[in-house]
Protein backbone atom coordinates (compact mmCIF):
# COMPACT_ATOMS: atom_id res chain seq x y z
CA MET A 1 255.23 -223.43 -65.17
CA GLY A 2 253.40 -225.40 -68.23
CA ILE A 3 249.91 -224.43 -69.45
CA LEU A 4 247.74 -227.32 -69.14
CA ASN A 5 243.89 -225.97 -70.15
CA VAL A 6 241.30 -228.92 -70.06
CA THR A 7 238.59 -226.10 -71.24
CA SER A 8 236.87 -225.89 -74.64
CA ASP A 9 237.33 -221.25 -74.09
CA SER A 10 240.96 -220.59 -73.62
CA PHE A 11 242.36 -217.62 -75.95
CA PHE A 12 244.77 -219.68 -77.46
CA ASP A 13 244.64 -223.34 -77.03
CA GLY A 14 240.85 -223.89 -76.16
CA GLY A 15 239.61 -227.11 -76.80
CA SER A 16 242.84 -228.92 -77.44
CA TYR A 17 243.23 -231.35 -74.60
CA THR A 18 239.87 -232.07 -73.88
CA ASN A 19 240.01 -236.07 -73.63
CA PRO A 20 242.47 -238.18 -71.53
CA GLN A 21 244.75 -239.43 -74.90
CA SER A 22 245.24 -235.17 -75.04
CA ILE A 23 246.21 -234.69 -71.89
CA VAL A 24 248.76 -237.11 -71.58
CA LYS A 25 250.31 -236.26 -74.74
CA GLN A 26 250.71 -232.45 -73.96
CA CYS A 27 251.80 -233.31 -70.74
CA GLU A 28 254.55 -235.81 -71.54
CA LYS A 29 255.47 -232.46 -74.09
CA LEU A 30 255.57 -229.95 -71.08
CA LEU A 31 257.76 -231.88 -68.81
CA SER A 32 260.15 -233.53 -71.69
CA GLU A 33 260.78 -230.13 -72.67
CA GLY A 34 261.91 -229.04 -68.80
CA ALA A 35 258.34 -227.83 -67.03
CA ASP A 36 258.68 -227.68 -63.52
CA ILE A 37 254.77 -227.47 -62.48
CA ILE A 38 251.84 -227.98 -65.12
CA ASP A 39 249.49 -225.39 -63.94
CA LEU A 40 245.81 -227.21 -65.19
CA GLY A 41 243.04 -225.21 -65.74
CA ALA A 42 239.18 -225.80 -66.34
CA TYR A 43 237.77 -222.16 -66.16
CA SER A 44 238.93 -220.09 -68.82
CA SER A 45 239.94 -216.60 -67.52
CA ARG A 46 240.32 -214.79 -70.92
CA PRO A 47 238.16 -211.47 -70.49
CA GLY A 48 234.48 -211.70 -71.75
CA ALA A 49 234.94 -216.08 -70.78
CA ILE A 50 231.86 -218.45 -70.62
CA ASP A 51 230.97 -218.82 -66.91
CA ILE A 52 230.56 -222.78 -65.90
CA SER A 53 229.36 -224.28 -63.14
CA GLU A 54 231.41 -225.43 -60.15
CA SER A 55 230.67 -228.64 -60.71
CA GLU A 56 231.94 -229.24 -64.07
CA GLU A 57 235.37 -227.72 -63.15
CA ILE A 58 235.41 -229.66 -60.28
CA ALA A 59 234.95 -232.80 -62.69
CA LYS A 60 237.79 -231.55 -64.90
CA ILE A 61 240.26 -231.07 -62.81
CA SER A 62 239.94 -233.84 -60.68
CA SER A 63 239.96 -236.13 -63.95
CA ALA A 64 242.65 -234.22 -65.47
CA THR A 65 244.48 -234.59 -62.60
CA GLU A 66 244.03 -238.13 -61.67
CA ILE A 67 245.17 -239.07 -65.63
CA ILE A 68 248.45 -236.82 -65.63
CA LEU A 69 249.46 -238.59 -61.84
CA LYS A 70 248.83 -241.84 -63.02
CA HIS A 71 250.98 -241.42 -66.36
CA PHE A 72 253.21 -239.27 -64.62
CA PRO A 73 253.36 -239.83 -60.47
CA GLU A 74 256.16 -237.42 -59.89
CA THR A 75 254.46 -234.09 -61.77
CA ILE A 76 253.40 -231.24 -59.51
CA ILE A 77 250.29 -230.15 -60.49
CA SER A 78 249.46 -226.76 -59.65
CA ILE A 79 244.91 -226.34 -59.81
CA ASP A 80 244.54 -222.66 -61.66
CA THR A 81 241.29 -221.80 -59.76
CA PHE A 82 239.55 -219.49 -57.81
CA ARG A 83 237.08 -221.62 -56.21
CA ALA A 84 237.10 -223.23 -52.84
CA LYS A 85 235.57 -226.68 -53.57
CA VAL A 86 237.26 -226.86 -56.83
CA ALA A 87 240.77 -226.07 -54.79
CA ASN A 88 239.64 -228.75 -52.34
CA ALA A 89 238.90 -231.34 -55.41
CA GLY A 90 241.99 -230.85 -57.12
CA ILE A 91 244.44 -231.31 -53.94
CA ALA A 92 242.62 -234.42 -52.88
CA ALA A 93 243.35 -235.92 -56.52
CA GLY A 94 246.67 -235.49 -55.88
CA ALA A 95 247.81 -231.47 -56.56
CA ALA A 96 249.77 -229.76 -54.80
CA ILE A 97 249.70 -226.02 -55.76
CA ILE A 98 246.49 -223.63 -55.80
CA ASN A 99 246.63 -220.52 -58.52
CA ASP A 100 243.89 -218.38 -57.63
CA ILE A 101 243.55 -215.73 -60.45
CA SER A 102 241.62 -213.60 -57.94
CA GLY A 103 243.57 -213.79 -55.09
CA GLY A 104 240.41 -214.69 -52.76
CA ASP A 105 237.99 -212.23 -53.74
CA LEU A 106 235.66 -214.54 -55.98
CA ASP A 107 235.18 -216.68 -52.93
CA ASP A 108 235.32 -216.32 -49.60
CA LYS A 109 236.28 -219.49 -48.33
CA MET A 110 239.40 -219.36 -50.67
CA PHE A 111 241.80 -218.69 -47.71
CA GLU A 112 240.62 -220.87 -45.05
CA THR A 113 240.56 -223.86 -47.40
CA VAL A 114 244.15 -223.37 -48.48
CA ALA A 115 245.33 -223.02 -45.08
CA ASN A 116 243.55 -225.93 -43.84
CA LEU A 117 244.66 -227.49 -47.15
CA ASN A 118 248.60 -226.01 -46.19
CA VAL A 119 249.39 -226.54 -49.80
CA PRO A 120 251.22 -223.20 -51.26
CA TYR A 121 249.20 -219.93 -52.89
CA ILE A 122 249.98 -218.11 -56.08
CA LEU A 123 248.08 -214.84 -55.33
CA MET A 124 247.43 -212.95 -58.04
CA HIS A 125 245.96 -209.12 -58.74
CA MET A 126 242.56 -208.36 -60.42
CA LYS A 127 239.91 -206.06 -60.09
CA GLY A 128 236.23 -207.89 -60.94
CA ASN A 129 235.94 -211.12 -62.70
CA PRO A 130 237.18 -212.25 -65.93
CA GLN A 131 233.49 -211.38 -67.39
CA ASN A 132 234.17 -207.61 -66.38
CA MET A 133 237.98 -207.23 -65.85
CA GLN A 134 238.43 -205.17 -68.95
CA THR A 135 235.63 -202.64 -67.61
CA GLN A 136 238.08 -201.96 -64.18
CA THR A 137 241.28 -200.38 -65.68
CA SER A 138 241.22 -197.39 -63.34
CA TYR A 139 244.22 -196.73 -61.20
CA LYS A 140 246.09 -193.78 -60.12
CA ASN A 141 249.02 -195.37 -60.42
CA ILE A 142 249.51 -198.96 -61.62
CA THR A 143 252.32 -200.19 -59.97
CA THR A 144 251.40 -198.60 -56.73
CA ASP A 145 247.82 -199.81 -56.55
CA VAL A 146 248.94 -203.64 -56.99
CA ASN A 147 251.66 -203.62 -54.36
CA LEU A 148 248.60 -202.18 -52.03
CA HIS A 149 246.18 -204.56 -53.35
CA LEU A 150 248.54 -207.34 -52.82
CA SER A 151 249.99 -206.24 -49.27
CA GLU A 152 246.40 -206.20 -48.14
CA LYS A 153 245.89 -209.47 -49.58
CA ILE A 154 249.04 -211.40 -48.05
CA ALA A 155 248.47 -209.68 -44.72
CA LYS A 156 245.08 -211.38 -44.62
CA ALA A 157 246.63 -214.50 -46.34
CA LYS A 158 249.10 -214.66 -43.50
CA SER A 159 245.96 -214.11 -40.73
CA TYR A 160 244.59 -217.46 -42.00
CA GLY A 161 247.75 -219.34 -41.17
CA MET A 162 249.05 -219.24 -44.80
CA ASN A 163 253.08 -218.44 -45.31
CA ASP A 164 254.08 -219.86 -48.77
CA ILE A 165 252.75 -217.60 -51.07
CA ILE A 166 253.79 -216.26 -54.51
CA ILE A 167 252.43 -213.19 -55.71
CA ASP A 168 251.34 -212.69 -59.50
CA PRO A 169 250.71 -209.28 -60.76
CA GLY A 170 248.18 -210.18 -63.32
CA PHE A 171 249.29 -208.80 -66.25
CA GLY A 172 246.17 -208.73 -68.69
CA PHE A 173 243.85 -209.03 -65.83
CA ALA A 174 241.62 -205.33 -65.45
CA LYS A 175 244.89 -203.61 -67.16
CA THR A 176 245.58 -201.86 -70.53
CA LEU A 177 248.04 -202.72 -72.89
CA GLU A 178 249.66 -199.87 -71.11
CA GLN A 179 249.08 -200.53 -67.84
CA ASN A 180 250.90 -204.05 -68.87
CA TYR A 181 253.68 -202.74 -69.75
CA GLU A 182 254.47 -200.10 -66.78
CA LEU A 183 253.93 -202.56 -64.57
CA MET A 184 256.66 -204.42 -66.41
CA ASN A 185 258.96 -201.71 -66.74
CA HIS A 186 258.59 -201.81 -63.08
CA LEU A 187 258.31 -204.98 -61.89
CA GLU A 188 260.84 -205.08 -59.28
CA MET A 189 259.30 -203.03 -57.05
CA LEU A 190 257.28 -205.85 -56.04
CA HIS A 191 260.30 -207.58 -54.46
CA PHE A 192 259.17 -205.18 -51.61
CA HIS A 193 256.88 -207.96 -50.19
CA ASN A 194 259.50 -210.43 -50.19
CA LEU A 195 258.09 -213.46 -51.88
CA PRO A 196 258.81 -215.45 -54.88
CA ILE A 197 256.71 -213.45 -58.20
CA LEU A 198 255.39 -215.82 -60.59
CA VAL A 199 254.99 -213.28 -63.91
CA GLY A 200 252.30 -214.81 -67.10
CA ILE A 201 252.60 -213.25 -70.30
CA SER A 202 252.62 -216.37 -72.61
CA ARG A 203 251.17 -215.05 -75.91
CA LYS A 204 248.75 -212.50 -73.97
CA SER A 205 247.11 -209.46 -75.93
CA MET A 206 249.52 -206.94 -74.28
CA ILE A 207 252.13 -208.56 -76.95
CA TYR A 208 249.81 -209.26 -80.26
CA LYS A 209 248.04 -205.94 -80.28
CA LEU A 210 250.83 -204.04 -80.17
CA PHE A 211 251.61 -205.60 -83.56
CA ASN A 212 248.00 -206.30 -84.74
CA SER A 213 248.48 -209.92 -84.62
CA THR A 214 247.21 -213.11 -83.13
CA PRO A 215 248.21 -215.35 -80.07
CA GLN A 216 249.37 -217.87 -82.24
CA GLU A 217 251.91 -215.46 -83.56
CA ALA A 218 252.95 -214.06 -80.49
CA LEU A 219 255.91 -216.23 -79.05
CA ASN A 220 258.84 -213.99 -80.03
CA GLY A 221 256.95 -211.41 -78.06
CA THR A 222 256.63 -213.61 -75.13
CA THR A 223 260.17 -214.40 -75.38
CA ILE A 224 261.30 -211.21 -75.04
CA LEU A 225 258.87 -210.50 -72.13
CA ASN A 226 260.18 -213.42 -70.11
CA THR A 227 263.84 -212.56 -70.77
CA ILE A 228 263.09 -209.07 -69.41
CA ALA A 229 261.14 -210.49 -66.40
CA LEU A 230 263.71 -212.52 -65.28
CA GLN A 231 266.23 -210.00 -65.47
CA LYS A 232 263.98 -207.72 -63.24
CA GLY A 233 263.86 -211.02 -60.57
CA ALA A 234 260.62 -213.35 -61.88
CA HIS A 235 260.91 -216.99 -60.03
CA ILE A 236 258.53 -218.25 -61.88
CA LEU A 237 257.54 -218.26 -65.90
CA ARG A 238 253.83 -219.23 -66.62
CA VAL A 239 254.31 -220.54 -69.90
CA HIS A 240 252.31 -222.27 -72.99
CA ASP A 241 255.87 -222.81 -74.59
CA VAL A 242 258.39 -223.98 -72.22
CA LYS A 243 261.02 -225.13 -74.61
CA GLU A 244 261.40 -221.26 -74.94
CA ALA A 245 261.04 -220.35 -72.22
CA LYS A 246 263.58 -222.58 -70.48
CA GLU A 247 266.17 -221.28 -73.16
CA CYS A 248 265.38 -217.90 -71.92
CA ILE A 249 266.11 -219.19 -68.57
CA THR A 250 269.32 -221.03 -69.64
CA ILE A 251 270.84 -217.71 -71.09
CA TYR A 252 269.72 -215.79 -68.23
CA GLN A 253 271.79 -218.17 -66.05
CA GLN A 254 274.64 -218.10 -68.62
CA LEU A 255 274.68 -214.38 -68.74
CA ASN A 256 275.17 -214.06 -64.83
CA SER A 257 277.40 -216.67 -64.39
CA THR A 258 279.59 -214.62 -66.72
CA ALA A 259 279.02 -211.33 -65.12
CA VAL A 260 282.01 -209.77 -63.17
CA LYS A 261 281.11 -209.71 -59.73
């Protein structure tokens, strides 16, 4: 899953893809490097992110989706949003998946909307919202608590008739650096749900803060953690750098193909 942010506020590439030409160029790059899905976001979810209006988010998502599909009509697009009306607009414009960082917590119409749209739904763990989530990092046991939260949300989603669900443990969302690594260390425990697992750790602070560096210097750490995530059974890697992630996947698959059965 290649990340395409059309916001000026993203922690890594904010402001880089805000006009049609730059959107097309970046999408072409991601697809040529092997992206299977383009994850399109217009609302930054970084800690302390600027809040934008629903109408602005809808306008950006709808426009970018139409631009991408005009130039690359076979593209599978996921809409990164926690707002039901944005989700609806994105699917109406031609997107195929909803990626909700809040797991339905920030819009009580989200589950009903996704069920009516009958599209796959990525359900992520987070507490609070992007503006206050880093003040909500109290857990008895991070892995157990995340699993319990996901179990409750999965049950609720299914009660609305949603069956095509992907889970995301939410690395970097309402979690300290140490909690992120503890969760990664026990990622295999999420297979309890028998659902596909998405991992999104690309250039996040759990990497660059460990080395007192920057997101721009976090590609090597991203590659290492993506490899570990694959070893622990992750099904989808959400990344800024598709070429490097595809190389991780190819090497991992080659190792598995030569393993003694």
